[in-house]
Amino acid sequence: MATITINIGDQIEALFRNVVKEELGTEKGKLGQAVTEALQLWISQKKQEEIALRQLGLMKKGFKLGKWKINRDELHERAN
């Protein structure tokens, strides 16, 4: 287990502590549990953003389908 020291605004800290208290209670370790959950969620969101950007880049680049090369714009135009 690691220890991280961070500085956050007083207002965010108060809001966070209130939400933790309402959702998880006030027992020992609940604040750390909530911070861990928040960090996991943030990491997951960043990974999803990275995946989405990578996939959009591939779509803009186009796909080779045998002798045809089709990009997203051409495919969209054909559907109309």
PDB file of N, CA and C in Angstrom:
ATOM      1  N   MET A   1       0.844  -1.167   0.000  1.00  0.00           N
ATOM      2  CA  MET A   1       0.000   0.000   0.000  1.00  0.00           C
ATOM      3  C   MET A   1       0.891   1.232   0.000  1.00  0.00           C
ATOM      4  N   ALA A   2       0.475   2.265  -0.725  1.00  0.00           N
ATOM      5  CA  ALA A   2       1.260   3.489  -0.849  1.00  0.00           C
ATOM      6  C   ALA A   2       0.557   4.650  -0.159  1.00  0.00           C
ATOM      7  N   THR A   3       1.344   5.657   0.155  1.00  0.00           N
ATOM      8  CA  THR A   3       0.811   6.889   0.720  1.00  0.00           C
ATOM      9  C   THR A   3       1.100   8.011  -0.256  1.00  0.00           C
ATOM     10  N   ILE A   4       0.072   8.779  -0.597  1.00  0.00           N
ATOM     11  CA  ILE A   4       0.210   9.917  -1.492  1.00  0.00           C
ATOM     12  C   ILE A   4      -0.273  11.154  -0.740  1.00  0.00           C
ATOM     13  N   THR A   5       0.534  12.200  -0.754  1.00  0.00           N
ATOM     14  CA  THR A   5       0.134  13.456  -0.134  1.00  0.00           C
ATOM     15  C   THR A   5      -0.241  14.411  -1.251  1.00  0.00           C
ATOM     16  N   ILE A   6      -1.468  14.945  -1.190  1.00  0.00           N
ATOM     17  CA  ILE A   6      -1.951  15.855  -2.222  1.00  0.00           C
ATOM     18  C   ILE A   6      -2.531  17.106  -1.570  1.00  0.00           C
ATOM     19  N   ASN A   7      -2.627  18.160  -2.341  1.00  0.00           N
ATOM     20  CA  ASN A   7      -3.272  19.387  -1.890  1.00  0.00           C
ATOM     21  C   ASN A   7      -4.462  19.649  -2.797  1.00  0.00           C
ATOM     22  N   ILE A   8      -5.638  19.832  -2.185  1.00  0.00           N
ATOM     23  CA  ILE A   8      -6.843  20.166  -2.940  1.00  0.00           C
ATOM     24  C   ILE A   8      -7.524  21.339  -2.254  1.00  0.00           C
ATOM     25  N   GLY A   9      -8.407  21.978  -2.973  1.00  0.00           N
ATOM     26  CA  GLY A   9      -9.119  23.121  -2.401  1.00  0.00           C
ATOM     27  C   GLY A   9     -10.011  22.700  -1.240  1.00  0.00           C
ATOM     28  N   ASP A  10     -10.194  23.619  -0.311  1.00  0.00           N
ATOM     29  CA  ASP A  10     -11.007  23.343   0.878  1.00  0.00           C
ATOM     30  C   ASP A  10     -12.437  22.957   0.515  1.00  0.00           C
ATOM     31  N   GLN A  11     -12.999  23.630  -0.486  1.00  0.00           N
ATOM     32  CA  GLN A  11     -14.379  23.374  -0.873  1.00  0.00           C
ATOM     33  C   GLN A  11     -14.536  21.947  -1.443  1.00  0.00           C
ATOM     34  N   ILE A  12     -13.600  21.539  -2.301  1.00  0.00           N
ATOM     35  CA  ILE A  12     -13.644  20.185  -2.874  1.00  0.00           C
ATOM     36  C   ILE A  12     -13.466  19.150  -1.774  1.00  0.00           C
ATOM     37  N   GLU A  13     -12.560  19.416  -0.860  1.00  0.00           N
ATOM     38  CA  GLU A  13     -12.317  18.478   0.239  1.00  0.00           C
ATOM     39  C   GLU A  13     -13.571  18.292   1.083  1.00  0.00           C
ATOM     40  N   ALA A  14     -14.242  19.390   1.400  1.00  0.00           N
ATOM     41  CA  ALA A  14     -15.462  19.313   2.210  1.00  0.00           C
ATOM     42  C   ALA A  14     -16.564  18.550   1.471  1.00  0.00           C
ATOM     43  N   LEU A  15     -16.736  18.854   0.189  1.00  0.00           N
ATOM     44  CA  LEU A  15     -17.739  18.143  -0.613  1.00  0.00           C
ATOM     45  C   LEU A  15     -17.426  16.653  -0.684  1.00  0.00           C
ATOM     46  N   PHE A  16     -16.158  16.335  -0.925  1.00  0.00           N
ATOM     47  CA  PHE A  16     -15.745  14.934  -1.031  1.00  0.00           C
ATOM     48  C   PHE A  16     -15.990  14.196   0.284  1.00  0.00           C
ATOM     49  N   ARG A  17     -15.580  14.796   1.379  1.00  0.00           N
ATOM     50  CA  ARG A  17     -15.788  14.156   2.681  1.00  0.00           C
ATOM     51  C   ARG A  17     -17.282  13.941   2.978  1.00  0.00           C
ATOM     52  N   ASN A  18     -18.116  14.898   2.604  1.00  0.00           N
ATOM     53  CA  ASN A  18     -19.557  14.741   2.819  1.00  0.00           C
ATOM     54  C   ASN A  18     -20.126  13.597   1.997  1.00  0.00           C
ATOM     55  N   VAL A  19     -19.704  13.491   0.749  1.00  0.00           N
ATOM     56  CA  VAL A  19     -20.191  12.406  -0.104  1.00  0.00           C
ATOM     57  C   VAL A  19     -19.706  11.062   0.424  1.00  0.00           C
ATOM     58  N   VAL A  20     -18.455  10.992   0.834  1.00  0.00           N
ATOM     59  CA  VAL A  20     -17.924   9.744   1.396  1.00  0.00           C
ATOM     60  C   VAL A  20     -18.719   9.358   2.641  1.00  0.00           C
ATOM     61  N   LYS A  21     -18.984  10.324   3.491  1.00  0.00           N
ATOM     62  CA  LYS A  21     -19.745  10.078   4.722  1.00  0.00           C
ATOM     63  C   LYS A  21     -21.137   9.537   4.397  1.00  0.00           C
ATOM     64  N   GLU A  22     -21.814  10.151   3.401  1.00  0.00           N
ATOM     65  CA  GLU A  22     -23.163   9.714   3.021  1.00  0.00           C
ATOM     66  C   GLU A  22     -23.163   8.341   2.357  1.00  0.00           C
ATOM     67  N   GLU A  23     -22.181   8.100   1.501  1.00  0.00           N
ATOM     68  CA  GLU A  23     -22.162   6.861   0.711  1.00  0.00           C
ATOM     69  C   GLU A  23     -21.536   5.676   1.449  1.00  0.00           C
ATOM     70  N   LEU A  24     -20.440   5.925   2.161  1.00  0.00           N
ATOM     71  CA  LEU A  24     -19.673   4.826   2.753  1.00  0.00           C
ATOM     72  C   LEU A  24     -19.659   4.818   4.273  1.00  0.00           C
ATOM     73  N   GLY A  25     -19.956   5.940   4.876  1.00  0.00           N
ATOM     74  CA  GLY A  25     -19.910   6.013   6.329  1.00  0.00           C
ATOM     75  C   GLY A  25     -18.637   6.681   6.800  1.00  0.00           C
ATOM     76  N   THR A  26     -18.421   6.619   8.098  1.00  0.00           N
ATOM     77  CA  THR A  26     -17.284   7.321   8.702  1.00  0.00           C
ATOM     78  C   THR A  26     -16.245   6.382   9.296  1.00  0.00           C
ATOM     79  N   GLU A  27     -16.383   5.083   9.034  1.00  0.00           N
ATOM     80  CA  GLU A  27     -15.432   4.137   9.602  1.00  0.00           C
ATOM     81  C   GLU A  27     -14.027   4.375   9.049  1.00  0.00           C
ATOM     82  N   LYS A  28     -13.053   3.889   9.783  1.00  0.00           N
ATOM     83  CA  LYS A  28     -11.656   4.026   9.389  1.00  0.00           C
ATOM     84  C   LYS A  28     -11.444   3.403   8.011  1.00  0.00           C
ATOM     85  N   GLY A  29     -10.739   4.125   7.148  1.00  0.00           N
ATOM     86  CA  GLY A  29     -10.391   3.609   5.829  1.00  0.00           C
ATOM     87  C   GLY A  29     -11.368   3.968   4.726  1.00  0.00           C
ATOM     88  N   LYS A  30     -12.516   4.526   5.076  1.00  0.00           N
ATOM     89  CA  LYS A  30     -13.530   4.840   4.066  1.00  0.00           C
ATOM     90  C   LYS A  30     -13.078   5.971   3.138  1.00  0.00           C
ATOM     91  N   LEU A  31     -12.369   6.950   3.654  1.00  0.00           N
ATOM     92  CA  LEU A  31     -11.878   8.041   2.823  1.00  0.00           C
ATOM     93  C   LEU A  31     -10.863   7.501   1.803  1.00  0.00           C
ATOM     94  N   GLY A  32      -9.968   6.659   2.247  1.00  0.00           N
ATOM     95  CA  GLY A  32      -8.991   6.037   1.349  1.00  0.00           C
ATOM     96  C   GLY A  32      -9.667   5.163   0.314  1.00  0.00           C
ATOM     97  N   GLN A  33     -10.709   4.443   0.725  1.00  0.00           N
ATOM     98  CA  GLN A  33     -11.467   3.605  -0.200  1.00  0.00           C
ATOM     99  C   GLN A  33     -12.097   4.465  -1.293  1.00  0.00           C
ATOM    100  N   ALA A  34     -12.662   5.598  -0.899  1.00  0.00           N
ATOM    101  CA  ALA A  34     -13.306   6.490  -1.862  1.00  0.00           C
ATOM    102  C   ALA A  34     -12.282   7.123  -2.810  1.00  0.00           C
ATOM    103  N   VAL A  35     -11.139   7.512  -2.284  1.00  0.00           N
ATOM    104  CA  VAL A  35     -10.095   8.089  -3.131  1.00  0.00           C
ATOM    105  C   VAL A  35      -9.603   7.037  -4.130  1.00  0.00           C
ATOM    106  N   THR A  36      -9.417   5.818  -3.681  1.00  0.00           N
ATOM    107  CA  THR A  36      -8.997   4.741  -4.574  1.00  0.00           C
ATOM    108  C   THR A  36     -10.022   4.532  -5.683  1.00  0.00           C
ATOM    109  N   GLU A  37     -11.299   4.505  -5.322  1.00  0.00           N
ATOM    110  CA  GLU A  37     -12.367   4.345  -6.313  1.00  0.00           C
ATOM    111  C   GLU A  37     -12.367   5.504  -7.311  1.00  0.00           C
ATOM    112  N   ALA A  38     -12.177   6.711  -6.819  1.00  0.00           N
ATOM    113  CA  ALA A  38     -12.156   7.886  -7.694  1.00  0.00           C
ATOM    114  C   ALA A  38     -10.971   7.823  -8.660  1.00  0.00           C
ATOM    115  N   LEU A  39      -9.822   7.426  -8.162  1.00  0.00           N
ATOM    116  CA  LEU A  39      -8.644   7.308  -9.025  1.00  0.00           C
ATOM    117  C   LEU A  39      -8.826   6.211 -10.074  1.00  0.00           C
ATOM    118  N   GLN A  40      -9.414   5.086  -9.677  1.00  0.00           N
ATOM    119  CA  GLN A  40      -9.671   4.013 -10.636  1.00  0.00           C
ATOM    120  C   GLN A  40     -10.616   4.479 -11.734  1.00  0.00           C
ATOM    121  N   LEU A  41     -11.652   5.216 -11.362  1.00  0.00           N
ATOM    122  CA  LEU A  41     -12.601   5.740 -12.337  1.00  0.00           C
ATOM    123  C   LEU A  41     -11.913   6.715 -13.288  1.00  0.00           C
ATOM    124  N   TRP A  42     -11.082   7.591 -12.765  1.00  0.00           N
ATOM    125  CA  TRP A  42     -10.370   8.572 -13.584  1.00  0.00           C
ATOM    126  C   TRP A  42      -9.441   7.865 -14.566  1.00  0.00           C
ATOM    127  N   ILE A  43      -8.710   6.867 -14.099  1.00  0.00           N
ATOM    128  CA  ILE A  43      -7.810   6.103 -14.970  1.00  0.00           C
ATOM    129  C   ILE A  43      -8.605   5.404 -16.066  1.00  0.00           C
ATOM    130  N   SER A  44      -9.715   4.810 -15.712  1.00  0.00           N
ATOM    131  CA  SER A  44     -10.560   4.117 -16.684  1.00  0.00           C
ATOM    132  C   SER A  44     -11.076   5.086 -17.748  1.00  0.00           C
ATOM    133  N   GLN A  45     -11.512   6.259 -17.344  1.00  0.00           N
ATOM    134  CA  GLN A  45     -12.006   7.262 -18.295  1.00  0.00           C
ATOM    135  C   GLN A  45     -10.901   7.708 -19.241  1.00  0.00           C
ATOM    136  N   LYS A  46      -9.706   7.916 -18.723  1.00  0.00           N
ATOM    137  CA  LYS A  46      -8.580   8.338 -19.560  1.00  0.00           C
ATOM    138  C   LYS A  46      -8.226   7.255 -20.567  1.00  0.00           C
ATOM    139  N   LYS A  47      -8.249   6.004 -20.146  1.00  0.00           N
ATOM    140  CA  LYS A  47      -7.967   4.900 -21.069  1.00  0.00           C
ATOM    141  C   LYS A  47      -9.024   4.833 -22.165  1.00  0.00           C
ATOM    142  N   GLN A  48     -10.299   5.033 -21.806  1.00  0.00           N
ATOM    143  CA  GLN A  48     -11.370   5.005 -22.797  1.00  0.00           C
ATOM    144  C   GLN A  48     -11.232   6.153 -23.790  1.00  0.00           C
ATOM    145  N   GLU A  49     -10.833   7.328 -23.310  1.00  0.00           N
ATOM    146  CA  GLU A  49     -10.609   8.467 -24.204  1.00  0.00           C
ATOM    147  C   GLU A  49      -9.486   8.149 -25.188  1.00  0.00           C
ATOM    148  N   GLU A  50      -8.419   7.539 -24.683  1.00  0.00           N
ATOM    149  CA  GLU A  50      -7.283   7.173 -25.527  1.00  0.00           C
ATOM    150  C   GLU A  50      -7.712   6.164 -26.592  1.00  0.00           C
ATOM    151  N   ILE A  51      -8.491   5.172 -26.200  1.00  0.00           N
ATOM    152  CA  ILE A  51      -8.984   4.165 -27.139  1.00  0.00           C
ATOM    153  C   ILE A  51      -9.871   4.819 -28.193  1.00  0.00           C
ATOM    154  N   ALA A  52     -10.757   5.709 -27.772  1.00  0.00           N
ATOM    155  CA  ALA A  52     -11.668   6.372 -28.711  1.00  0.00           C
ATOM    156  C   ALA A  52     -10.883   7.211 -29.719  1.00  0.00           C
ATOM    157  N   LEU A  53      -9.896   7.952 -29.261  1.00  0.00           N
ATOM    158  CA  LEU A  53      -9.095   8.768 -30.172  1.00  0.00           C
ATOM    159  C   LEU A  53      -8.322   7.897 -31.160  1.00  0.00           C
ATOM    160  N   ARG A  54      -7.783   6.797 -30.674  1.00  0.00           N
ATOM    161  CA  ARG A  54      -7.048   5.880 -31.550  1.00  0.00           C
ATOM    162  C   ARG A  54      -7.977   5.297 -32.615  1.00  0.00           C
ATOM    163  N   GLN A  55      -9.186   4.909 -32.213  1.00  0.00           N
ATOM    164  CA  GLN A  55     -10.136   4.332 -33.159  1.00  0.00           C
ATOM    165  C   GLN A  55     -10.617   5.368 -34.169  1.00  0.00           C
ATOM    166  N   LEU A  56     -10.847   6.606 -33.721  1.00  0.00           N
ATOM    167  CA  LEU A  56     -11.226   7.663 -34.653  1.00  0.00           C
ATOM    168  C   LEU A  56     -10.116   7.914 -35.670  1.00  0.00           C
ATOM    169  N   GLY A  57      -8.878   7.872 -35.223  1.00  0.00           N
ATOM    170  CA  GLY A  57      -7.741   8.028 -36.133  1.00  0.00           C
ATOM    171  C   GLY A  57      -7.722   6.934 -37.185  1.00  0.00           C
ATOM    172  N   LEU A  58      -7.999   5.706 -36.767  1.00  0.00           N
ATOM    173  CA  LEU A  58      -8.044   4.595 -37.725  1.00  0.00           C
ATOM    174  C   LEU A  58      -9.179   4.776 -38.718  1.00  0.00           C
ATOM    175  N   MET A  59     -10.327   5.245 -38.232  1.00  0.00           N
ATOM    176  CA  MET A  59     -11.460   5.450 -39.126  1.00  0.00           C
ATOM    177  C   MET A  59     -11.171   6.550 -40.140  1.00  0.00           C
ATOM    178  N   LYS A  60     -10.494   7.616 -39.722  1.00  0.00           N
ATOM    179  CA  LYS A  60     -10.154   8.689 -40.642  1.00  0.00           C
ATOM    180  C   LYS A  60      -9.142   8.219 -41.677  1.00  0.00           C
ATOM    181  N   LYS A  61      -8.249   7.344 -41.245  1.00  0.00           N
ATOM    182  CA  LYS A  61      -7.227   6.810 -42.138  1.00  0.00           C
ATOM    183  C   LYS A  61      -7.851   5.923 -43.209  1.00  0.00           C
ATOM    184  N   GLY A  62      -8.887   5.202 -42.842  1.00  0.00           N
ATOM    185  CA  GLY A  62      -9.566   4.315 -43.782  1.00  0.00           C
ATOM    186  C   GLY A  62      -9.130   2.873 -43.592  1.00  0.00           C
ATOM    187  N   PHE A  63      -9.870   1.977 -44.217  1.00  0.00           N
ATOM    188  CA  PHE A  63      -9.597   0.552 -44.107  1.00  0.00           C
ATOM    189  C   PHE A  63      -9.410  -0.019 -45.504  1.00  0.00           C
ATOM    190  N   LYS A  64      -8.479  -0.931 -45.645  1.00  0.00           N
ATOM    191  CA  LYS A  64      -8.325  -1.626 -46.912  1.00  0.00           C
ATOM    192  C   LYS A  64      -9.187  -2.880 -46.868  1.00  0.00           C
ATOM    193  N   LEU A  65     -10.102  -2.953 -47.800  1.00  0.00           N
ATOM    194  CA  LEU A  65     -10.982  -4.110 -47.912  1.00  0.00           C
ATOM    195  C   LEU A  65     -10.727  -4.747 -49.275  1.00  0.00           C
ATOM    196  N   GLY A  66      -9.653  -5.534 -49.341  1.00  0.00           N
ATOM    197  CA  GLY A  66      -9.282  -6.116 -50.623  1.00  0.00           C
ATOM    198  C   GLY A  66      -8.776  -5.032 -51.548  1.00  0.00           C
ATOM    199  N   LYS A  67      -9.389  -4.910 -52.724  1.00  0.00           N
ATOM    200  CA  LYS A  67      -8.955  -3.895 -53.678  1.00  0.00           C
ATOM    201  C   LYS A  67      -9.556  -2.527 -53.392  1.00  0.00           C
ATOM    202  N   TRP A  68     -10.534  -2.446 -52.481  1.00  0.00           N
ATOM    203  CA  TRP A  68     -11.176  -1.177 -52.153  1.00  0.00           C
ATOM    204  C   TRP A  68     -10.590  -0.594 -50.881  1.00  0.00           C
ATOM    205  N   LYS A  69     -10.453   0.681 -50.891  1.00  0.00           N
ATOM    206  CA  LYS A  69     -10.074   1.392 -49.667  1.00  0.00           C
ATOM    207  C   LYS A  69     -11.204   2.351 -49.366  1.00  0.00           C
ATOM    208  N   ILE A  70     -11.853   2.166 -48.240  1.00  0.00           N
ATOM    209  CA  ILE A  70     -13.028   2.955 -47.879  1.00  0.00           C
ATOM    210  C   ILE A  70     -12.737   3.703 -46.587  1.00  0.00           C
ATOM    211  N   ASN A  71     -12.997   5.001 -46.596  1.00  0.00           N
ATOM    212  CA  ASN A  71     -12.881   5.736 -45.340  1.00  0.00           C
ATOM    213  C   ASN A  71     -14.282   6.036 -44.812  1.00  0.00           C
ATOM    214  N   ARG A  72     -14.358   6.568 -43.634  1.00  0.00           N
ATOM    215  CA  ARG A  72     -15.631   6.785 -42.957  1.00  0.00           C
ATOM    216  C   ARG A  72     -16.554   7.710 -43.755  1.00  0.00           C
ATOM    217  N   ASP A  73     -15.997   8.790 -44.312  1.00  0.00           N
ATOM    218  CA  ASP A  73     -16.816   9.744 -45.057  1.00  0.00           C
ATOM    219  C   ASP A  73     -17.460   9.094 -46.273  1.00  0.00           C
ATOM    220  N   GLU A  74     -16.678   8.313 -47.006  1.00  0.00           N
ATOM    221  CA  GLU A  74     -17.234   7.643 -48.178  1.00  0.00           C
ATOM    222  C   GLU A  74     -18.324   6.655 -47.781  1.00  0.00           C
ATOM    223  N   LEU A  75     -18.097   5.934 -46.711  1.00  0.00           N
ATOM    224  CA  LEU A  75     -19.072   4.965 -46.246  1.00  0.00           C
ATOM    225  C   LEU A  75     -20.367   5.659 -45.834  1.00  0.00           C
ATOM    226  N   HIS A  76     -20.227   6.787 -45.161  1.00  0.00           N
ATOM    227  CA  HIS A  76     -21.405   7.546 -44.717  1.00  0.00           C
ATOM    228  C   HIS A  76     -22.193   8.071 -45.930  1.00  0.00           C
ATOM    229  N   GLU A  77     -21.502   8.556 -46.938  1.00  0.00           N
ATOM    230  CA  GLU A  77     -22.150   9.094 -48.128  1.00  0.00           C
ATOM    231  C   GLU A  77     -22.934   7.997 -48.851  1.00  0.00           C
ATOM    232  N   ARG A  78     -22.411   6.770 -48.853  1.00  0.00           N
ATOM    233  CA  ARG A  78     -23.095   5.664 -49.528  1.00  0.00           C
ATOM    234  C   ARG A  78     -24.378   5.282 -48.813  1.00  0.00           C
ATOM    235  N   ALA A  79     -24.419   5.500 -47.491  1.00  0.00           N
ATOM    236  CA  ALA A  79     -25.608   5.124 -46.727  1.00  0.00           C
ATOM    237  C   ALA A  79     -26.757   6.074 -46.982  1.00  0.00           C
ATOM    238  N   ASN A  80     -26.478   7.271 -47.424  1.00  0.00           N
ATOM    239  CA  ASN A  80     -27.545   8.263 -47.664  1.00  0.00           C
ATOM    240  C   ASN A  80     -28.223   8.050 -48.962  1.00  0.00           C
TER     241      ASN A  80
END
